[in-house]
Amino acid sequence: PWEYAATLAAMPWLNRVPPGDGHPVIVFPGLGASELSTRALRSYLGRLGYATYDWGLGRNRPVPGVMEACRQRVLDVASRHGRKVSLVGWSLGGVYARELGKHLQAQTRCVITLGSPFSGDTRATNATRAYELMGGRPARYDPERAERLRRAPNVPTTSIYSKSDGVVAWQCSLNDAAPHTENVEIHASHMGLGVNPLALYIVADRLRQDPAQWQRFDAQALPRWLFRTDAGAAH
């Protein structure tokens, strides 16, 4: 609630972000969440001029067929607009976004994740039991699968994470260093990432980047305590 209230208070500042170019953006919700959880983020991005879409599958349950349905969603949106699609994912939704970005590189403009567990032992969360109950299978550690998940897509990829997340171990949300990857640390809770004003600002800023001239997030013009980027974050 305090993060949503902070966003309402910060809206005059957030609304000063330059408008986007109108390209399509799909937002994927976290484990057990639905389109309602991403409404505030999609609404904000829509006001900036982006063509925003929810993931279209209702509540996020990790069951067979989910990734194929997500893949078709990306293909449909890309075909409708004749443009590449930016993929934004919260928590488990960010894992989906990364995998889609790998397999649909020709249709993907960039990938942005919010508190997503894609690196290391992905069971290092306080949601493992919920994942098992919703998915109907145990969450076993598979080194080969973990290595596949850890690799970033070959498109601009941003991970927004918080050491005060409370659900996902922040070490599981760090991209390996590469010319097209970055990690941006903010002060946020896991459940509030999608309505946190700092997260919203970073997402909007990243979506404005031209993939052909992509540069890492620059927080120098903002109060230094608000953000921590790769240069200052402990990895």
C-alpha atoms as a PDB file:
ATOM      1  CA  PRO A   1       0.000   0.000   0.000  1.00  0.00           C
ATOM      2  CA  TRP A   2       2.756   2.500   0.807  1.00  0.00           C
ATOM      3  CA  GLU A   3       4.368   1.921  -2.582  1.00  0.00           C
ATOM      4  CA  TYR A   4       1.084   2.535  -4.393  1.00  0.00           C
ATOM      5  CA  ALA A   5       0.563   5.664  -2.304  1.00  0.00           C
ATOM      6  CA  ALA A   6       4.086   6.768  -3.191  1.00  0.00           C
ATOM      7  CA  THR A   7       3.280   6.297  -6.870  1.00  0.00           C
ATOM      8  CA  LEU A   8       0.169   8.461  -6.565  1.00  0.00           C
ATOM      9  CA  ALA A   9       2.248  11.156  -4.882  1.00  0.00           C
ATOM     10  CA  ALA A  10       4.972  10.845  -7.520  1.00  0.00           C
ATOM     11  CA  MET A  11       2.603  10.864 -10.508  1.00  0.00           C
ATOM     12  CA  PRO A  12       3.305  14.510 -11.466  1.00  0.00           C
ATOM     13  CA  TRP A  13       6.993  13.557 -11.696  1.00  0.00           C
ATOM     14  CA  LEU A  14       6.269  10.279 -13.495  1.00  0.00           C
ATOM     15  CA  ASN A  15       4.027  12.042 -16.006  1.00  0.00           C
ATOM     16  CA  ARG A  16       6.954  14.237 -17.045  1.00  0.00           C
ATOM     17  CA  VAL A  17       8.672  11.224 -18.595  1.00  0.00           C
ATOM     18  CA  PRO A  18       8.817  11.852 -22.373  1.00  0.00           C
ATOM     19  CA  PRO A  19       6.189   9.898 -24.331  1.00  0.00           C
ATOM     20  CA  GLY A  20       7.063   6.628 -25.974  1.00  0.00           C
ATOM     21  CA  ASP A  21       7.074   5.703 -29.641  1.00  0.00           C
ATOM     22  CA  GLY A  22       3.884   3.649 -29.497  1.00  0.00           C
ATOM     23  CA  HIS A  23       5.464   0.215 -29.848  1.00  0.00           C
ATOM     24  CA  PRO A  24       3.628  -2.723 -28.236  1.00  0.00           C
ATOM     25  CA  VAL A  25       4.410  -3.900 -24.710  1.00  0.00           C
ATOM     26  CA  ILE A  26       3.187  -7.130 -23.075  1.00  0.00           C
ATOM     27  CA  VAL A  27       3.229  -7.317 -19.267  1.00  0.00           C
ATOM     28  CA  PHE A  28       3.361 -10.762 -17.609  1.00  0.00           C
ATOM     29  CA  PRO A  29       2.115 -11.158 -14.000  1.00  0.00           C
ATOM     30  CA  GLY A  30       3.764 -13.060 -11.175  1.00  0.00           C
ATOM     31  CA  LEU A  31       2.950 -16.448  -9.704  1.00  0.00           C
ATOM     32  CA  GLY A  32      -0.714 -16.747  -8.773  1.00  0.00           C
ATOM     33  CA  ALA A  33      -1.455 -13.214  -9.983  1.00  0.00           C
ATOM     34  CA  SER A  34      -3.684 -12.108 -12.839  1.00  0.00           C
ATOM     35  CA  GLU A  35      -3.990  -9.181 -15.216  1.00  0.00           C
ATOM     36  CA  LEU A  36      -5.353  -7.081 -12.352  1.00  0.00           C
ATOM     37  CA  SER A  37      -1.932  -7.026 -10.697  1.00  0.00           C
ATOM     38  CA  THR A  38      -0.338  -5.359 -13.732  1.00  0.00           C
ATOM     39  CA  ARG A  39      -3.127  -2.877 -14.425  1.00  0.00           C
ATOM     40  CA  ALA A  40      -1.400   0.098 -12.762  1.00  0.00           C
ATOM     41  CA  LEU A  41       1.814  -0.475 -14.711  1.00  0.00           C
ATOM     42  CA  ARG A  42      -0.022  -1.000 -17.996  1.00  0.00           C
ATOM     43  CA  SER A  43      -2.167   2.066 -17.404  1.00  0.00           C
ATOM     44  CA  TYR A  44       0.897   4.227 -16.794  1.00  0.00           C
ATOM     45  CA  LEU A  45       2.667   2.933 -19.898  1.00  0.00           C
ATOM     46  CA  GLY A  46      -0.503   3.425 -21.912  1.00  0.00           C
ATOM     47  CA  ARG A  47      -0.632   7.083 -20.889  1.00  0.00           C
ATOM     48  CA  LEU A  48       2.911   7.424 -22.189  1.00  0.00           C
ATOM     49  CA  GLY A  49       1.728   6.232 -25.577  1.00  0.00           C
ATOM     50  CA  TYR A  50       2.697   2.578 -25.631  1.00  0.00           C
ATOM     51  CA  ALA A  51       0.312  -0.067 -26.953  1.00  0.00           C
ATOM     52  CA  THR A  52       0.042  -2.157 -23.791  1.00  0.00           C
ATOM     53  CA  TYR A  53      -1.275  -5.709 -23.489  1.00  0.00           C
ATOM     54  CA  ASP A  54      -1.835  -8.058 -20.584  1.00  0.00           C
ATOM     55  CA  TRP A  55      -0.660 -11.625 -21.045  1.00  0.00           C
ATOM     56  CA  GLY A  56      -4.206 -12.814 -21.755  1.00  0.00           C
ATOM     57  CA  LEU A  57      -4.169 -16.043 -19.716  1.00  0.00           C
ATOM     58  CA  GLY A  58      -5.844 -15.070 -16.450  1.00  0.00           C
ATOM     59  CA  ARG A  59      -4.192 -16.222 -13.226  1.00  0.00           C
ATOM     60  CA  ASN A  60      -0.562 -17.269 -13.609  1.00  0.00           C
ATOM     61  CA  ARG A  61      -0.346 -20.978 -12.849  1.00  0.00           C
ATOM     62  CA  PRO A  62       2.835 -22.778 -14.043  1.00  0.00           C
ATOM     63  CA  VAL A  63       1.072 -25.622 -15.833  1.00  0.00           C
ATOM     64  CA  PRO A  64       1.863 -27.364 -19.138  1.00  0.00           C
ATOM     65  CA  GLY A  65       1.030 -25.255 -22.178  1.00  0.00           C
ATOM     66  CA  VAL A  66       1.599 -21.860 -20.569  1.00  0.00           C
ATOM     67  CA  MET A  67       4.773 -21.045 -22.476  1.00  0.00           C
ATOM     68  CA  GLU A  68       3.299 -22.046 -25.814  1.00  0.00           C
ATOM     69  CA  ALA A  69       0.290 -19.803 -25.150  1.00  0.00           C
ATOM     70  CA  CYS A  70       2.639 -16.944 -24.198  1.00  0.00           C
ATOM     71  CA  ARG A  71       4.634 -17.536 -27.368  1.00  0.00           C
ATOM     72  CA  GLN A  72       1.493 -17.255 -29.462  1.00  0.00           C
ATOM     73  CA  ARG A  73       0.511 -14.073 -27.638  1.00  0.00           C
ATOM     74  CA  VAL A  74       3.826 -12.428 -28.563  1.00  0.00           C
ATOM     75  CA  LEU A  75       3.547 -13.555 -32.187  1.00  0.00           C
ATOM     76  CA  ASP A  76      -0.028 -12.258 -32.447  1.00  0.00           C
ATOM     77  CA  VAL A  77       0.824  -8.829 -30.981  1.00  0.00           C
ATOM     78  CA  ALA A  78       3.944  -8.486 -33.144  1.00  0.00           C
ATOM     79  CA  SER A  79       1.943  -9.394 -36.249  1.00  0.00           C
ATOM     80  CA  ARG A  80      -0.874  -6.989 -35.353  1.00  0.00           C
ATOM     81  CA  HIS A  81       1.501  -4.034 -35.065  1.00  0.00           C
ATOM     82  CA  GLY A  82       4.148  -5.081 -37.553  1.00  0.00           C
ATOM     83  CA  ARG A  83       6.730  -4.149 -34.907  1.00  0.00           C
ATOM     84  CA  LYS A  84       8.874  -5.799 -32.284  1.00  0.00           C
ATOM     85  CA  VAL A  85       7.338  -6.196 -28.831  1.00  0.00           C
ATOM     86  CA  SER A  86       8.859  -5.237 -25.476  1.00  0.00           C
ATOM     87  CA  LEU A  87       8.337  -7.899 -22.807  1.00  0.00           C
ATOM     88  CA  VAL A  88       7.940  -6.841 -19.164  1.00  0.00           C
ATOM     89  CA  GLY A  89       7.596  -9.522 -16.485  1.00  0.00           C
ATOM     90  CA  TRP A  90       7.014  -9.401 -12.748  1.00  0.00           C
ATOM     91  CA  SER A  91       8.500 -12.268 -10.697  1.00  0.00           C
ATOM     92  CA  LEU A  92       7.703 -15.562 -12.477  1.00  0.00           C
ATOM     93  CA  GLY A  93       6.332 -13.495 -15.357  1.00  0.00           C
ATOM     94  CA  GLY A  94       9.843 -12.160 -15.870  1.00  0.00           C
ATOM     95  CA  VAL A  95      11.172 -15.694 -16.257  1.00  0.00           C
ATOM     96  CA  TYR A  96       8.589 -16.195 -19.003  1.00  0.00           C
ATOM     97  CA  ALA A  97       9.595 -12.902 -20.636  1.00  0.00           C
ATOM     98  CA  ARG A  98      13.277 -13.872 -20.698  1.00  0.00           C
ATOM     99  CA  GLU A  99      12.608 -17.277 -22.233  1.00  0.00           C
ATOM    100  CA  LEU A 100      10.295 -15.770 -24.836  1.00  0.00           C
ATOM    101  CA  GLY A 101      12.963 -13.201 -25.678  1.00  0.00           C
ATOM    102  CA  LYS A 102      15.424 -16.015 -26.331  1.00  0.00           C
ATOM    103  CA  HIS A 103      13.125 -18.027 -28.582  1.00  0.00           C
ATOM    104  CA  LEU A 104      11.431 -15.070 -30.296  1.00  0.00           C
ATOM    105  CA  GLN A 105      14.383 -12.758 -30.774  1.00  0.00           C
ATOM    106  CA  ALA A 106      13.081 -11.547 -34.149  1.00  0.00           C
ATOM    107  CA  GLN A 107       9.850 -10.358 -32.487  1.00  0.00           C
ATOM    108  CA  THR A 108      11.371  -9.003 -29.237  1.00  0.00           C
ATOM    109  CA  ARG A 109      12.562  -5.418 -28.758  1.00  0.00           C
ATOM    110  CA  CYS A 110      13.734  -5.665 -25.123  1.00  0.00           C
ATOM    111  CA  VAL A 111      13.110  -7.593 -21.909  1.00  0.00           C
ATOM    112  CA  ILE A 112      12.560  -6.003 -18.477  1.00  0.00           C
ATOM    113  CA  THR A 113      12.093  -8.070 -15.313  1.00  0.00           C
ATOM    114  CA  LEU A 114      10.880  -7.084 -11.846  1.00  0.00           C
ATOM    115  CA  GLY A 115      12.123  -9.246  -8.980  1.00  0.00           C
ATOM    116  CA  SER A 116      12.409 -12.336 -11.178  1.00  0.00           C
ATOM    117  CA  PRO A 117      14.261 -15.497 -10.017  1.00  0.00           C
ATOM    118  CA  PHE A 118      16.244 -16.541 -13.077  1.00  0.00           C
ATOM    119  CA  SER A 119      19.759 -17.049 -11.687  1.00  0.00           C
ATOM    120  CA  GLY A 120      21.176 -19.604  -9.265  1.00  0.00           C
ATOM    121  CA  ASP A 121      18.855 -21.932  -7.372  1.00  0.00           C
ATOM    122  CA  THR A 122      15.431 -20.620  -8.300  1.00  0.00           C
ATOM    123  CA  ARG A 123      13.998 -22.376  -5.232  1.00  0.00           C
ATOM    124  CA  ALA A 124      15.586 -19.610  -3.139  1.00  0.00           C
ATOM    125  CA  THR A 125      12.255 -17.857  -2.755  1.00  0.00           C
ATOM    126  CA  ASN A 126       9.463 -17.761  -0.214  1.00  0.00           C
ATOM    127  CA  ALA A 127       7.043 -18.859  -2.944  1.00  0.00           C
ATOM    128  CA  THR A 128       8.439 -22.323  -3.707  1.00  0.00           C
ATOM    129  CA  ARG A 129       5.609 -24.147  -1.933  1.00  0.00           C
ATOM    130  CA  ALA A 130       3.014 -22.023  -3.736  1.00  0.00           C
ATOM    131  CA  TYR A 131       4.737 -22.799  -7.050  1.00  0.00           C
ATOM    132  CA  GLU A 132       4.530 -26.520  -6.308  1.00  0.00           C
ATOM    133  CA  LEU A 133       0.870 -26.354  -5.311  1.00  0.00           C
ATOM    134  CA  MET A 134      -0.168 -24.321  -8.356  1.00  0.00           C
ATOM    135  CA  GLY A 135       1.992 -26.254 -10.796  1.00  0.00           C
ATOM    136  CA  GLY A 136       1.145 -29.671  -9.413  1.00  0.00           C
ATOM    137  CA  ARG A 137       4.774 -30.829  -9.314  1.00  0.00           C
ATOM    138  CA  PRO A 138       7.814 -30.462  -7.053  1.00  0.00           C
ATOM    139  CA  ALA A 139      10.317 -27.673  -7.719  1.00  0.00           C
ATOM    140  CA  ARG A 140      13.520 -29.683  -8.130  1.00  0.00           C
ATOM    141  CA  TYR A 141      16.909 -28.132  -8.848  1.00  0.00           C
ATOM    142  CA  ASP A 142      18.153 -29.058 -12.313  1.00  0.00           C
ATOM    143  CA  PRO A 143      21.664 -27.662 -13.041  1.00  0.00           C
ATOM    144  CA  GLU A 144      21.178 -27.759 -16.825  1.00  0.00           C
ATOM    145  CA  ARG A 145      17.829 -25.984 -16.612  1.00  0.00           C
ATOM    146  CA  ALA A 146      19.306 -23.453 -14.178  1.00  0.00           C
ATOM    147  CA  GLU A 147      22.088 -22.689 -16.635  1.00  0.00           C
ATOM    148  CA  ARG A 148      19.568 -22.165 -19.457  1.00  0.00           C
ATOM    149  CA  LEU A 149      17.477 -19.813 -17.325  1.00  0.00           C
ATOM    150  CA  ARG A 150      20.542 -17.829 -16.217  1.00  0.00           C
ATOM    151  CA  ARG A 151      21.532 -16.913 -19.778  1.00  0.00           C
ATOM    152  CA  ALA A 152      20.033 -13.599 -20.851  1.00  0.00           C
ATOM    153  CA  PRO A 153      18.237 -13.109 -24.181  1.00  0.00           C
ATOM    154  CA  ASN A 154      20.264 -11.584 -27.014  1.00  0.00           C
ATOM    155  CA  VAL A 155      18.267  -8.350 -26.792  1.00  0.00           C
ATOM    156  CA  PRO A 156      18.586  -5.439 -24.306  1.00  0.00           C
ATOM    157  CA  THR A 157      17.750  -7.002 -20.939  1.00  0.00           C
ATOM    158  CA  THR A 158      17.165  -5.137 -17.673  1.00  0.00           C
ATOM    159  CA  SER A 159      16.653  -6.685 -14.237  1.00  0.00           C
ATOM    160  CA  ILE A 160      15.073  -4.464 -11.582  1.00  0.00           C
ATOM    161  CA  TYR A 161      15.603  -6.003  -8.147  1.00  0.00           C
ATOM    162  CA  SER A 162      15.533  -5.172  -4.459  1.00  0.00           C
ATOM    163  CA  LYS A 163      17.447  -6.436  -1.449  1.00  0.00           C
ATOM    164  CA  SER A 164      14.288  -5.764   0.576  1.00  0.00           C
ATOM    165  CA  ASP A 165      12.239  -7.930  -1.816  1.00  0.00           C
ATOM    166  CA  GLY A 166      11.073 -10.321   0.904  1.00  0.00           C
ATOM    167  CA  VAL A 167      10.063 -13.135  -1.479  1.00  0.00           C
ATOM    168  CA  VAL A 168      12.818 -13.695  -4.054  1.00  0.00           C
ATOM    169  CA  ALA A 169      16.471 -13.818  -2.992  1.00  0.00           C
ATOM    170  CA  TRP A 170      17.984 -10.794  -4.728  1.00  0.00           C
ATOM    171  CA  GLN A 171      21.023 -12.812  -5.835  1.00  0.00           C
ATOM    172  CA  CYS A 172      18.678 -14.810  -8.079  1.00  0.00           C
ATOM    173  CA  SER A 173      17.770 -11.647 -10.017  1.00  0.00           C
ATOM    174  CA  LEU A 174      21.202 -10.637 -11.301  1.00  0.00           C
ATOM    175  CA  ASN A 175      22.095 -10.703 -14.984  1.00  0.00           C
ATOM    176  CA  ASP A 176      25.583 -11.781 -15.934  1.00  0.00           C
ATOM    177  CA  ALA A 177      27.629  -8.862 -17.221  1.00  0.00           C
ATOM    178  CA  ALA A 178      27.272  -8.337 -20.969  1.00  0.00           C
ATOM    179  CA  PRO A 179      27.070  -5.328 -23.311  1.00  0.00           C
ATOM    180  CA  HIS A 180      23.269  -5.673 -23.525  1.00  0.00           C
ATOM    181  CA  THR A 181      22.423  -6.495 -19.887  1.00  0.00           C
ATOM    182  CA  GLU A 182      22.072  -4.501 -16.666  1.00  0.00           C
ATOM    183  CA  ASN A 183      20.894  -4.781 -13.073  1.00  0.00           C
ATOM    184  CA  VAL A 184      19.221  -1.861 -11.312  1.00  0.00           C
ATOM    185  CA  GLU A 185      18.638  -2.050  -7.560  1.00  0.00           C
ATOM    186  CA  ILE A 186      15.811  -0.094  -5.935  1.00  0.00           C
ATOM    187  CA  HIS A 187      14.142  -0.001  -2.536  1.00  0.00           C
ATOM    188  CA  ALA A 188      10.947  -2.015  -2.945  1.00  0.00           C
ATOM    189  CA  SER A 189       8.945  -4.984  -1.729  1.00  0.00           C
ATOM    190  CA  HIS A 190       8.259  -7.937  -4.000  1.00  0.00           C
ATOM    191  CA  MET A 191       4.506  -7.460  -3.869  1.00  0.00           C
ATOM    192  CA  GLY A 192       4.866  -3.740  -4.547  1.00  0.00           C
ATOM    193  CA  LEU A 193       7.276  -3.807  -7.485  1.00  0.00           C
ATOM    194  CA  GLY A 194       4.525  -3.349 -10.050  1.00  0.00           C
ATOM    195  CA  VAL A 195       3.264  -0.176  -8.361  1.00  0.00           C
ATOM    196  CA  ASN A 196       6.566   1.191  -7.064  1.00  0.00           C
ATOM    197  CA  PRO A 197       7.277   4.667  -8.512  1.00  0.00           C
ATOM    198  CA  LEU A 198      10.982   3.941  -8.988  1.00  0.00           C
ATOM    199  CA  ALA A 199      10.220   0.709 -10.845  1.00  0.00           C
ATOM    200  CA  LEU A 200       7.667   2.458 -13.058  1.00  0.00           C
ATOM    201  CA  TYR A 201      10.169   5.185 -13.899  1.00  0.00           C
ATOM    202  CA  ILE A 202      12.890   2.711 -14.834  1.00  0.00           C
ATOM    203  CA  VAL A 203      10.534   0.640 -16.997  1.00  0.00           C
ATOM    204  CA  ALA A 204       9.396   3.763 -18.856  1.00  0.00           C
ATOM    205  CA  ASP A 205      12.979   4.943 -19.299  1.00  0.00           C
ATOM    206  CA  ARG A 206      14.118   1.567 -20.622  1.00  0.00           C
ATOM    207  CA  LEU A 207      11.243   1.318 -23.099  1.00  0.00           C
ATOM    208  CA  ARG A 208      12.345   4.630 -24.637  1.00  0.00           C
ATOM    209  CA  GLN A 209      15.764   3.197 -25.498  1.00  0.00           C
ATOM    210  CA  ASP A 210      16.524   2.538 -29.161  1.00  0.00           C
ATOM    211  CA  PRO A 211      17.720  -1.116 -29.182  1.00  0.00           C
ATOM    212  CA  ALA A 212      20.285  -0.255 -31.850  1.00  0.00           C
ATOM    213  CA  GLN A 213      21.827   2.407 -29.577  1.00  0.00           C
ATOM    214  CA  TRP A 214      21.027   0.880 -26.204  1.00  0.00           C
ATOM    215  CA  GLN A 215      22.764   2.265 -23.135  1.00  0.00           C
ATOM    216  CA  ARG A 216      22.516   1.247 -19.505  1.00  0.00           C
ATOM    217  CA  PHE A 217      20.241   3.130 -17.127  1.00  0.00           C
ATOM    218  CA  ASP A 218      21.786   6.397 -15.988  1.00  0.00           C
ATOM    219  CA  ALA A 219      20.716   7.529 -12.540  1.00  0.00           C
ATOM    220  CA  GLN A 220      23.256  10.359 -12.290  1.00  0.00           C
ATOM    221  CA  ALA A 221      20.647  13.076 -12.775  1.00  0.00           C
ATOM    222  CA  LEU A 222      18.493  11.667  -9.970  1.00  0.00           C
ATOM    223  CA  PRO A 223      19.041  11.613  -6.201  1.00  0.00           C
ATOM    224  CA  ARG A 224      21.792   9.030  -5.645  1.00  0.00           C
ATOM    225  CA  TRP A 225      19.955   7.224  -2.848  1.00  0.00           C
ATOM    226  CA  LEU A 226      17.046   6.345  -5.138  1.00  0.00           C
ATOM    227  CA  PHE A 227      18.857   3.875  -7.373  1.00  0.00           C
ATOM    228  CA  ARG A 228      21.828   1.552  -7.398  1.00  0.00           C
ATOM    229  CA  THR A 229      23.091   0.323 -10.766  1.00  0.00           C
ATOM    230  CA  ASP A 230      25.736  -2.253 -11.658  1.00  0.00           C
ATOM    231  CA  ALA A 231      28.545   0.185 -10.843  1.00  0.00           C
ATOM    232  CA  GLY A 232      27.457   0.464  -7.208  1.00  0.00           C
ATOM    233  CA  ALA A 233      25.579  -2.761  -6.530  1.00  0.00           C
ATOM    234  CA  ALA A 234      27.123  -5.656  -4.672  1.00  0.00           C
ATOM    235  CA  HIS A 235      27.045  -8.770  -6.858  1.00  0.00           C
END
